[in-house]
């Protein structure tokens, strides 16, 4: 935030202003693609080398697909989805974690630690297991059980911290400082890991004929915004992209510190006092590190972008719409993108003929309910099955026999 350079073996926040630290942009001319699969194709532009590609589980290289049904619902002709929920652990976090674990291996770290509301937990646990490193994961006490279970399944030590995400963040940061562990918390606390998120921007440029007008990003602290904007800036400086896309950052109504500052016209973000949302993936109150939000806010404004908030019920409806109409099972934090696009299109902020790409950042399988609700009702035989099916209008219309 203050623009002063620093050299730290274990990256953390700025020693001068307390703001987030990021790596310098890759200078032009940009290194050529390596030919390796996924995000490792851009290893020369990221703080990793092909020597650590053995850590890869196929992260990156996720497809971009047209939003066949949602485009009409949003009244946007050129609406597309980047399916980052198809990364190995089920979220975009793998882009950062793969690079962060490579850093941990290179620095001979004894362990990795992270705070997570869910997706980073599973990602950190999986890549740490692959690297043979112990993983300690701290999660808010109200974390979806499925997300905690995934981290435990990979052998991580999972501890639930009383209170919200910011409490878990503070505990992880203290443990990293005390024991010299690499902190893979996916705020801006680890600039090496955050740089891995640039891969999403490089890939979009490869996959699309031209720079999209808008890229829609679910936002907690916002490092994915940094990754995408930085990648496009690098490519523009190198003559590989003509312009920057505008960023539409999406937050939950019950935890929206960055969107609140955007609406107020403020330059700095204030921590959110009380989290009131079930959209766990983007429920970061930024308490103790509001400069993360201020930096993300600055990036959004520099692209000419916007911020939007989405309610829990709206996000839940978008989850169902994507699953039923598009065949995509997405968690509510990512499905909220769709609600935000529809709202900003209605206001005229997004034009009907503009190209919009929604980052679908997390798989919905981790947040499904358990037990009978998922398995469906129990029936004794075909006759009872027919009775159950007649309750579904779309099926019953064809059951004429």
Protein backbone atom coordinates (compact mmCIF):
# COMPACT_ATOMS: atom_id res chain seq x y z
CA UNK A 1 0.00 0.00 0.00
CA UNK A 2 2.88 2.38 0.74
CA UNK A 3 4.91 1.32 -2.28
CA UNK A 4 8.05 0.47 -0.29
CA UNK A 5 9.98 -2.66 -1.20
CA UNK A 6 11.04 -5.22 1.36
CA UNK A 7 12.83 -8.54 1.56
CA UNK A 8 11.46 -11.16 3.92
CA UNK A 9 12.19 -14.87 4.15
CA UNK A 10 8.68 -15.58 5.41
CA UNK A 11 6.36 -13.06 3.73
CA UNK A 12 3.76 -11.34 5.86
CA UNK A 13 2.36 -7.80 6.02
CA UNK A 14 4.39 -4.66 5.36
CA UNK A 15 6.78 -3.70 8.16
CA UNK A 16 6.21 -0.01 7.37
CA UNK A 17 2.47 0.50 6.81
CA UNK A 18 0.95 -2.84 7.82
CA UNK A 19 -0.61 -3.24 4.39
CA UNK A 20 -0.52 -6.30 2.15
CA UNK A 21 2.70 -7.20 0.36
CA UNK A 22 2.60 -8.39 -3.25
CA UNK A 23 5.32 -9.55 -5.61
CA UNK A 24 6.39 -7.13 -8.36
CA UNK A 25 4.71 -7.71 -11.74
CA UNK A 26 6.55 -9.91 -14.20
CA UNK A 27 8.44 -7.59 -16.55
CA UNK A 28 7.94 -7.52 -20.31
CA UNK A 29 8.72 -9.37 -22.45
CA UNK A 30 6.86 -12.10 -20.59
CA UNK A 31 8.45 -15.56 -20.50
CA UNK A 32 7.10 -17.94 -23.11
CA UNK A 33 4.72 -20.75 -22.10
CA UNK A 34 6.45 -23.89 -20.90
CA UNK A 35 4.15 -26.38 -22.61
CA UNK A 36 3.34 -28.06 -19.29
CA UNK A 37 -0.32 -28.79 -18.46
CA UNK A 38 -2.62 -26.37 -16.65
CA UNK A 39 -1.26 -23.38 -14.79
CA UNK A 40 2.27 -24.75 -15.03
CA UNK A 41 2.18 -23.68 -18.67
CA UNK A 42 2.81 -20.21 -17.22
CA UNK A 43 5.41 -21.26 -14.66
CA UNK A 44 7.87 -18.69 -16.03
CA UNK A 45 5.43 -15.94 -15.09
CA UNK A 46 4.77 -17.32 -11.63
CA UNK A 47 7.15 -17.71 -8.66
CA UNK A 48 7.72 -21.39 -9.43
CA UNK A 49 9.91 -23.37 -11.79
CA UNK A 50 9.12 -26.51 -13.82
CA UNK A 51 11.28 -28.37 -11.26
CA UNK A 52 8.38 -28.26 -8.78
CA UNK A 53 5.76 -29.33 -11.31
CA UNK A 54 5.75 -32.77 -9.67
CA UNK A 55 3.47 -31.17 -7.07
CA UNK A 56 0.84 -30.54 -9.70
CA UNK A 57 -2.44 -32.44 -9.61
CA UNK A 58 -3.77 -30.79 -12.75
CA UNK A 59 -4.71 -27.41 -11.30
CA UNK A 60 -5.49 -24.65 -13.76
CA UNK A 61 -6.51 -25.02 -17.36
CA UNK A 62 -10.18 -24.99 -16.34
CA UNK A 63 -12.65 -24.51 -19.20
CA UNK A 64 -14.69 -21.48 -20.14
CA UNK A 65 -18.21 -22.38 -21.26
CA UNK A 66 -21.20 -20.35 -22.47
CA UNK A 67 -23.98 -19.79 -19.95
CA UNK A 68 -26.72 -21.27 -22.09
CA UNK A 69 -29.70 -20.73 -19.79
CA UNK A 70 -28.41 -18.09 -17.38
CA UNK A 71 -27.68 -15.59 -20.14
CA UNK A 72 -31.39 -15.09 -20.75
CA UNK A 73 -32.15 -14.85 -17.04
CA UNK A 74 -29.48 -12.17 -16.62
CA UNK A 75 -30.40 -10.41 -19.90
CA UNK A 76 -26.73 -10.53 -20.95
CA UNK A 77 -26.11 -11.90 -24.42
CA UNK A 78 -22.48 -12.90 -23.96
CA UNK A 79 -22.33 -14.56 -20.53
CA UNK A 80 -19.73 -17.22 -19.80
CA UNK A 81 -18.54 -19.27 -16.87
CA UNK A 82 -14.95 -20.18 -16.02
CA UNK A 83 -15.28 -23.49 -14.23
CA UNK A 84 -12.64 -23.09 -11.56
CA UNK A 85 -14.62 -25.41 -9.28
CA UNK A 86 -13.11 -28.19 -11.41
CA UNK A 87 -9.66 -27.73 -9.89
CA UNK A 88 -8.37 -30.86 -8.08
CA UNK A 89 -9.67 -30.01 -4.60
CA UNK A 90 -12.82 -28.37 -5.93
CA UNK A 91 -11.90 -24.69 -5.84
CA UNK A 92 -9.75 -21.94 -7.33
CA UNK A 93 -7.65 -22.03 -4.15
CA UNK A 94 -5.50 -24.74 -5.75
CA UNK A 95 -3.89 -22.09 -7.94
CA UNK A 96 -2.48 -20.37 -4.86
CA UNK A 97 -1.88 -23.48 -2.77
CA UNK A 98 0.16 -25.30 -5.40
CA UNK A 99 2.54 -22.32 -5.59
CA UNK A 100 2.56 -21.85 -1.81
CA UNK A 101 3.40 -25.49 -1.16
CA UNK A 102 6.17 -25.31 -3.77
CA UNK A 103 7.53 -22.36 -1.79
CA UNK A 104 7.30 -24.39 1.42
CA UNK A 105 9.24 -27.26 -0.14
CA UNK A 106 11.91 -24.89 -1.46
CA UNK A 107 12.28 -23.21 1.96
CA UNK A 108 12.36 -26.60 3.70
CA UNK A 109 9.46 -25.65 5.93
CA UNK A 110 8.57 -28.06 8.71
CA UNK A 111 4.83 -27.58 8.20
CA UNK A 112 2.18 -25.40 6.59
CA UNK A 113 -0.70 -23.67 8.32
CA UNK A 114 -3.78 -21.88 7.07
CA UNK A 115 -6.98 -20.26 8.24
CA UNK A 116 -9.94 -21.18 6.10
CA UNK A 117 -13.69 -20.91 5.86
CA UNK A 118 -13.59 -24.15 3.89
CA UNK A 119 -12.06 -24.27 0.41
CA UNK A 120 -8.49 -23.37 1.36
CA UNK A 121 -8.61 -26.03 4.08
CA UNK A 122 -9.16 -28.87 1.64
CA UNK A 123 -6.69 -27.42 -0.85
CA UNK A 124 -3.94 -26.94 1.73
CA UNK A 125 -4.48 -30.40 3.17
CA UNK A 126 -4.35 -32.07 -0.25
CA UNK A 127 -1.20 -30.36 -1.52
CA UNK A 128 0.58 -30.70 1.82
CA UNK A 129 -0.15 -34.43 1.72
CA UNK A 130 1.33 -34.62 -1.77
CA UNK A 131 4.46 -32.78 -0.62
CA UNK A 132 4.80 -34.88 2.55
CA UNK A 133 4.31 -31.87 4.85
CA UNK A 134 2.16 -31.68 7.98
CA UNK A 135 -0.81 -29.31 7.59
CA UNK A 136 -2.54 -27.44 10.39
CA UNK A 137 -5.90 -25.92 9.44
CA UNK A 138 -7.85 -23.46 11.58
CA UNK A 139 -11.51 -22.95 10.71
CA UNK A 140 -14.35 -20.88 12.17
CA UNK A 141 -16.57 -22.94 14.45
CA UNK A 142 -19.56 -22.58 12.10
CA UNK A 143 -17.72 -23.99 9.06
CA UNK A 144 -19.75 -26.36 6.84
CA UNK A 145 -19.01 -29.90 8.16
CA UNK A 146 -18.26 -31.25 4.69
CA UNK A 147 -15.41 -28.79 4.19
CA UNK A 148 -13.79 -29.69 7.50
CA UNK A 149 -14.20 -33.39 6.72
CA UNK A 150 -12.34 -33.03 3.43
CA UNK A 151 -9.34 -31.46 5.15
CA UNK A 152 -9.31 -34.22 7.78
CA UNK A 153 -9.57 -36.88 5.09
CA UNK A 154 -6.24 -35.67 3.67
CA UNK A 155 -4.59 -36.02 7.08
CA UNK A 156 -4.59 -32.38 8.16
CA UNK A 157 -4.95 -31.40 11.80
CA UNK A 158 -8.21 -29.43 11.82
CA UNK A 159 -8.98 -27.06 14.69
CA UNK A 160 -12.17 -25.03 14.90
CA UNK A 161 -11.68 -21.55 16.35
CA UNK A 162 -14.38 -19.83 18.34
CA UNK A 163 -15.98 -16.95 16.46
CA UNK A 164 -15.68 -15.97 12.81
CA UNK A 165 -13.02 -16.23 10.13
CA UNK A 166 -10.95 -13.31 11.42
CA UNK A 167 -10.32 -15.15 14.68
CA UNK A 168 -9.03 -18.16 12.74
CA UNK A 169 -6.87 -15.82 10.64
CA UNK A 170 -5.26 -14.33 13.72
CA UNK A 171 -4.50 -17.75 15.23
CA UNK A 172 -2.93 -19.04 12.00
CA UNK A 173 -0.75 -15.97 11.65
CA UNK A 174 0.47 -16.30 15.23
CA UNK A 175 1.31 -19.99 14.76
CA UNK A 176 3.21 -19.28 11.54
CA UNK A 177 5.28 -16.57 13.25
CA UNK A 178 5.94 -18.69 16.34
CA UNK A 179 7.10 -21.86 14.60
CA UNK A 180 8.33 -20.65 11.20
CA UNK A 181 5.60 -22.51 9.33
CA UNK A 182 4.58 -21.34 5.86
CA UNK A 183 1.24 -19.57 6.13
CA UNK A 184 -1.04 -20.55 3.24
CA UNK A 185 -4.03 -18.52 4.39
CA UNK A 186 -5.53 -17.20 1.17
CA UNK A 187 -5.82 -13.56 2.10
CA UNK A 188 -2.81 -11.45 1.09
CA UNK A 189 -0.68 -12.85 3.91
CA UNK A 190 1.51 -14.91 1.54
CA UNK A 191 2.44 -12.95 -1.60
CA UNK A 192 4.16 -15.95 -3.20
CA UNK A 193 1.00 -18.05 -3.00
CA UNK A 194 -1.18 -15.11 -4.08
CA UNK A 195 0.93 -14.74 -7.23
CA UNK A 196 -0.30 -18.17 -8.31
CA UNK A 197 -3.73 -16.63 -8.86
CA UNK A 198 -2.37 -14.71 -11.83
CA UNK A 199 -2.71 -17.97 -13.73
CA UNK A 200 -6.49 -17.42 -13.96
CA UNK A 201 -5.94 -14.19 -15.88
CA UNK A 202 -3.38 -15.70 -18.23
CA UNK A 203 -5.73 -18.57 -19.01
CA UNK A 204 -8.70 -16.30 -19.72
CA UNK A 205 -6.58 -14.37 -22.19
CA UNK A 206 -5.63 -17.65 -23.90
CA UNK A 207 -9.21 -18.91 -23.97
CA UNK A 208 -11.04 -15.79 -25.16
CA UNK A 209 -10.71 -14.02 -28.48
CA UNK A 210 -10.61 -10.63 -26.76
CA UNK A 211 -10.55 -9.13 -23.28
CA UNK A 212 -14.00 -9.49 -21.67
CA UNK A 213 -15.80 -6.34 -20.61
CA UNK A 214 -16.40 -7.75 -17.12
CA UNK A 215 -14.95 -10.50 -14.95
CA UNK A 216 -17.11 -11.33 -11.95
CA UNK A 217 -15.25 -12.47 -8.83
CA UNK A 218 -16.59 -13.63 -5.43
CA UNK A 219 -14.66 -11.62 -2.84
CA UNK A 220 -13.66 -12.31 0.75
CA UNK A 221 -10.35 -10.46 1.07
CA UNK A 222 -9.87 -10.33 -2.68
CA UNK A 223 -6.55 -11.89 -3.76
CA UNK A 224 -8.18 -13.41 -6.87
CA UNK A 225 -8.97 -9.85 -7.96
CA UNK A 226 -5.28 -9.02 -7.58
CA UNK A 227 -4.26 -12.10 -9.57
CA UNK A 228 -6.55 -11.42 -12.51
CA UNK A 229 -5.88 -7.67 -12.67
CA UNK A 230 -2.11 -8.13 -12.35
CA UNK A 231 -2.04 -10.76 -15.10
CA UNK A 232 -3.96 -8.53 -17.51
CA UNK A 233 -1.74 -5.56 -16.66
CA UNK A 234 1.34 -7.63 -17.40
CA UNK A 235 -0.14 -8.80 -20.69
CA UNK A 236 -1.21 -5.28 -21.66
CA UNK A 237 2.30 -3.97 -20.95
CA UNK A 238 3.73 -6.78 -23.07
CA UNK A 239 1.30 -6.16 -25.92
CA UNK A 240 -0.56 -9.44 -25.34
CA UNK A 241 -3.84 -7.83 -24.23
CA UNK A 242 -5.49 -4.66 -25.48
CA UNK A 243 -7.23 -3.59 -22.29
CA UNK A 244 -8.05 -4.37 -18.68
CA UNK A 245 -11.37 -6.06 -17.91
CA UNK A 246 -13.61 -4.36 -15.39
CA UNK A 247 -13.96 -6.30 -12.15
CA UNK A 248 -17.30 -6.89 -10.50
CA UNK A 249 -16.58 -7.99 -6.94
CA UNK A 250 -19.37 -9.86 -5.16
CA UNK A 251 -19.87 -10.03 -1.39
CA UNK A 252 -22.56 -11.37 0.94
CA UNK A 253 -24.99 -8.81 2.34
CA UNK A 254 -24.25 -10.08 5.83
CA UNK A 255 -20.48 -9.57 5.47
CA UNK A 256 -19.65 -6.88 2.94
CA UNK A 257 -16.83 -4.62 4.18
CA UNK A 258 -15.41 -3.91 0.71
CA UNK A 259 -18.77 -3.35 -0.97
CA UNK A 260 -19.76 -1.03 1.86
CA UNK A 261 -16.65 1.11 1.36
CA UNK A 262 -17.27 1.15 -2.41
CA UNK A 263 -20.83 2.37 -1.90
CA UNK A 264 -19.69 5.07 0.55
CA UNK A 265 -16.97 6.28 -1.78
CA UNK A 266 -14.40 5.58 0.93
CA UNK A 267 -10.74 4.91 0.16
CA UNK A 268 -10.27 2.59 3.13
CA UNK A 269 -12.25 -0.43 4.22
CA UNK A 270 -13.53 -0.75 7.78
CA UNK A 271 -13.78 -4.21 9.40
CA UNK A 272 -17.25 -5.77 9.42
CA UNK A 273 -18.50 -5.94 12.98
CA UNK A 274 -20.92 -8.87 12.98
CA UNK A 275 -21.05 -11.62 10.36
CA UNK A 276 -24.65 -12.48 9.46
CA UNK A 277 -24.50 -14.78 6.49
CA UNK A 278 -24.37 -18.48 5.71
CA UNK A 279 -22.36 -17.87 2.54
CA UNK A 280 -19.18 -19.13 4.16
CA UNK A 281 -16.86 -18.80 1.17
CA UNK A 282 -17.01 -14.99 1.19
CA UNK A 283 -17.70 -14.27 4.86
CA UNK A 284 -14.43 -12.51 5.75
CA UNK A 285 -14.96 -9.53 8.11
CA UNK A 286 -11.32 -8.38 7.64
CA UNK A 287 -10.99 -7.67 11.33
CA UNK A 288 -7.32 -7.06 12.06
CA UNK A 289 -6.32 -6.76 8.39
CA UNK A 290 -8.72 -4.28 6.72
CA UNK A 291 -5.91 -3.11 4.42
CA UNK A 292 -6.50 -6.31 2.44
CA UNK A 293 -9.91 -4.95 1.58
CA UNK A 294 -8.60 -1.46 0.90
CA UNK A 295 -6.11 -2.85 -1.62
CA UNK A 296 -8.80 -4.93 -3.36
CA UNK A 297 -11.11 -1.91 -3.40
CA UNK A 298 -8.40 0.15 -5.07
CA UNK A 299 -7.93 -2.51 -7.76
CA UNK A 300 -11.66 -2.70 -8.49
CA UNK A 301 -11.84 1.07 -8.91
CA UNK A 302 -8.72 1.17 -11.09
CA UNK A 303 -10.44 -1.16 -13.57
CA UNK A 304 -13.57 1.00 -13.64
CA UNK A 305 -15.39 -1.88 -11.97
CA UNK A 306 -18.02 -2.21 -9.26
CA UNK A 307 -18.96 -4.07 -6.10
CA UNK A 308 -22.28 -5.78 -5.38
CA UNK A 309 -23.87 -7.59 -2.46
CA UNK A 310 -26.10 -10.66 -2.54
CA UNK A 311 -28.44 -12.03 0.11
CA UNK A 312 -28.34 -15.59 1.37
CA UNK A 313 -31.72 -16.50 -0.12
CA UNK A 314 -30.80 -15.07 -3.53
CA UNK A 315 -27.51 -16.97 -3.54
CA UNK A 316 -29.33 -20.18 -2.63
CA UNK A 317 -31.75 -19.70 -5.50
CA UNK A 318 -28.80 -19.15 -7.84
CA UNK A 319 -27.25 -22.43 -6.64
CA UNK A 320 -30.45 -24.23 -7.64
CA UNK A 321 -30.69 -22.40 -10.96
CA UNK A 322 -27.15 -23.32 -11.95
CA UNK A 323 -27.64 -26.94 -10.94
CA UNK A 324 -31.05 -27.35 -12.56
CA UNK A 325 -30.57 -25.25 -15.69
CA UNK A 326 -26.85 -25.39 -16.40
CA UNK A 327 -25.80 -28.72 -14.89
CA UNK A 328 -23.29 -26.96 -12.64
CA UNK A 329 -23.18 -27.72 -8.91
CA UNK A 330 -21.63 -24.58 -7.41
CA UNK A 331 -21.39 -23.34 -3.84
CA UNK A 332 -23.40 -20.28 -2.89
CA UNK A 333 -20.41 -17.93 -2.74
CA UNK A 334 -19.72 -18.53 -6.43
CA UNK A 335 -23.35 -18.78 -7.52
CA UNK A 336 -23.79 -15.28 -6.08
CA UNK A 337 -21.99 -14.05 -9.22
CA UNK A 338 -25.13 -14.72 -11.22
CA UNK A 339 -27.35 -12.66 -8.91
CA UNK A 340 -24.88 -9.77 -9.04
CA UNK A 341 -24.77 -9.79 -12.85
CA UNK A 342 -28.56 -9.79 -13.06
CA UNK A 343 -28.80 -6.89 -10.59
CA UNK A 344 -26.18 -4.74 -12.32
CA UNK A 345 -27.70 -5.47 -15.70
CA UNK A 346 -31.07 -4.26 -14.37
CA UNK A 347 -29.42 -1.03 -13.20
CA UNK A 348 -27.74 -0.52 -16.56
CA UNK A 349 -24.22 -0.85 -15.16
CA UNK A 350 -23.64 -3.90 -17.37
CA UNK A 351 -24.74 -3.58 -20.99
CA UNK A 352 -26.81 -6.24 -22.72
CA UNK A 353 -24.19 -6.72 -25.44
CA UNK A 354 -21.15 -6.76 -23.14
CA UNK A 355 -19.07 -9.87 -22.56
CA UNK A 356 -19.21 -11.10 -18.96
CA UNK A 357 -17.21 -13.96 -17.44
CA UNK A 358 -18.23 -15.33 -14.03
CA UNK A 359 -15.54 -17.05 -12.00
CA UNK A 360 -17.23 -20.15 -10.53
CA UNK A 361 -14.73 -20.61 -7.75
CA UNK A 362 -16.01 -23.46 -5.58
CA UNK A 363 -17.76 -26.81 -6.03
CA UNK A 364 -21.12 -27.24 -4.36
CA UNK A 365 -20.57 -30.85 -3.30
CA UNK A 366 -18.74 -29.71 -0.15
CA UNK A 367 -21.72 -27.81 1.17
CA UNK A 368 -24.51 -30.30 0.50
CA UNK A 369 -26.63 -31.43 3.42
CA UNK A 370 -26.15 -34.93 4.80
CA UNK A 371 -28.28 -37.98 5.49
CA UNK A 372 -31.82 -38.49 4.28
CA UNK A 373 -32.09 -35.02 2.74
CA UNK A 374 -29.38 -35.87 0.22
CA UNK A 375 -30.33 -39.50 -0.26
CA UNK A 376 -33.98 -38.69 -0.95
CA UNK A 377 -37.07 -40.40 0.41
CA UNK A 378 -37.08 -44.15 1.06
CA UNK A 379 -39.60 -46.20 -0.95
CA UNK A 380 -40.62 -49.85 -0.55
CA UNK A 381 -41.29 -50.78 -4.18
CA UNK A 382 -42.10 -49.49 -7.67
CA UNK A 383 -45.69 -48.64 -6.73
CA UNK A 384 -44.54 -46.34 -3.97
CA UNK A 385 -41.92 -44.90 -6.30
CA UNK A 386 -44.69 -43.98 -8.74
CA UNK A 387 -46.61 -42.24 -5.95
CA UNK A 388 -43.55 -40.21 -5.09
CA UNK A 389 -42.84 -39.35 -8.71
CA UNK A 390 -46.37 -38.07 -9.31
CA UNK A 391 -45.55 -35.26 -6.89
CA UNK A 392 -43.05 -33.92 -9.45
CA UNK A 393 -45.03 -32.13 -12.14
CA UNK A 394 -42.41 -32.45 -14.85
CA UNK A 395 -42.30 -36.23 -14.41
CA UNK A 396 -46.00 -36.78 -13.76
CA UNK A 397 -46.99 -35.24 -17.13
CA UNK A 398 -45.29 -38.14 -18.90
CA UNK A 399 -46.65 -40.88 -16.61
CA UNK A 400 -49.82 -41.66 -18.52
CA UNK A 401 -49.76 -45.44 -18.14
